[in-house]
Every structure is written in structure tokens, then in C-alpha cells.
Amino acid sequence: MIDRVKELFEEQSSESYKRYDKAHPLDIYLGTNNDGLKSLAVILDAAKEPVDSSKTISVDYYGRDDGSTMLSFGLEDNSLSDLFYSFCDDIIESTRGSDPKDGFSSVINRWNTWIKFFSKVTLQLTESEIRGLIGEIYFLKEFLVPEYGVDKSLEAFIGIDKAHKDFEIENTWYEVKTIHNGAHTTRISSIEQLDSDKEGSLAVVTLDQGTLGLDDCVTLNKIINDFRNYIGDKNAGIFDEKMRKAGYIFDERYDEYTYIVISLDKYNVTGEFPRIKKDTLPTGIVKASYELDLETVKNYKVTR
């Protein structure tokens, strides 16, 4: 669908628009406004509602000769075209259940969830967060989905919602850590990550630096796209929403961060597995983070 959005923008000459989808309940057009900016426009017979611009997206209302009103989103920074295409696609798909009688509210509410992305020109995710998300998606595809199925695995992906564990499923849990090749430790950023009354697992994904263009090279954009294709259209919407919660929006600059997956190792977190537990903390200490030496937990590694 993003390719369709991109295609429509490239088809339009200056100061011209084309309607995206006649079956959509809202009149949504893509094209170029009179300032020469890529623009998404929504035309309704409705009153103006308060809406803010960002430094990279100008948002304006225009009255039309037929009495209707056009709400326009214009891209001020053309280097963010890929992000803008994703925004347009999301506005279109997220408002398919809208009623024109409700005016511009559904579009504006969705814009308000995007405005923080367009308030920055830097990538939303740091390199550490890029590696972490690659590790979680790799774990999903290579272990969790084959073990539990797509529906249960996506439902279990709760770390995106700032939960203490990355995945909780049936009567167990999984915490995923991504490390550089050659590292012997991994950082446990909170007590709760490995502390539980239930037996769980620590999964460690090891990455090495890759070279762009090699067949076994992994980038964040590639692994997300491959996983979407793997789970099919039925589940893609649920996965996309989780990626948005993680702060991911497609950007070509993510392809500059390339890796090779070296291994996926799982450790049973049970019994005397070395970890800090809340019920053993000295009085007065309520939170802590620590480095776990993976050599000391090799006896807990799952070999199958």
C-alpha cells in the first residue's frame, strides 16, 4: 500500500491531486499543493477543528468554491518522503471506518499520534534500540511463532507496551537480549526482567556487523518487511501497530545499520540461575540494573 501511495505522488505534476480510493468513506487526495509540497488532502463538508502543524509538516485549512473544506498536510522537508508516505498510508487505512458526519476528528486524532515523529529530523530509534528490535523480531520468527503460532505470539509481544517481560505466553515468559559478537555479558536493565514466580527463559541474539548488499545481511527495514510477509496480511495490521508503539516508522536511513545474525541462544531462568530478585533486596533498595556474565549461566543453556 505504501508503494501505491508513493506511485500516486510521483504521478502528480505541480498543483494537482488524485483521489486515493473511491471506496473510502472520506475524500482523501494525494498530490502536490500550490507551494510545490507533497500533500495529503481531506475534503469534507465539515467545520474546521483545531489542529497543529509540526516543523516538517504544515497543516492548513482551505475553503472551496462548493462550500466544502479541505484539510491539507504538506511535507516541508522532502528528505522525509518515506516517512510521509507511511503517514499517508496510515491516515488512509486507519480512517476507513470513519463517518464523514463526524468531520475531521478521526484524521486529526490520528495526526496527533504522528506529530512527535515529524517534530524530529533524527531517526526515532537509537542504534541500541535498532539492534534490540531486530533481536526481538528474529526471536519471534525463528522460535516463538513456530512454537506457538502467529496469533498467540503477537499477543504475547508485550514488551512493546513497556511491560517488564518482552513476551509472556501460556505459563511462561521470555526476555530477549541482543548483544555484539564477542560480548560475554548482557545488561539486565531492571530487576523485573528476570524475576518471576514462573519459570521462564532468557533469549540472547548475537549480531555482528554486516555489509550492505550481502544475502545474509539484516537491517531493521528488511527484517520487519520479511516478518510481515511471513505472517500474512491477516496479522500484518496487529504487527504494524506494535512496531509503531516501538517507535518504528519506515525510513531508508535504517538500512545504513547492517548486521549478520550469528546465533540465538536460550537459557532456562529457574532455580539458582544468577539474578537479582525483589524479595532478596536489602531494605531501602527498590530498583537496580546489572550485567550478567553469560559464561556463568552456560549450564542453563537449552541445547535442543
Foldseek 3Di string as FASTA:
>chain_A
DLVLLVVQAVPADAQDWDFSDPLAQWGWIWYAHNVRFTKIKTKALDDDDDADAAPQWDWDWDADPVNIIIIMIGGNDVLCVQLVSLLVVCLRVQCSVPHSVVPCVSSRVSVVLVRVVVNDPDAQDDLQLQQQVLQVLCCCVPPVCVVPNDVQFLVQQCVLVVDLFRGDGDQEGEHEFEEEPPDQKTKNFKQSHLADPTKYKYKYWYKYFDDPPDPQKDFSVVSLVVVDVVNDPVCNVSVVVSCVSSVDDDHPVSSVGIIGTDDMKMFIRDDVDDGDYQVPDDPPDRIDMDMDRNVVRVVRIDDD
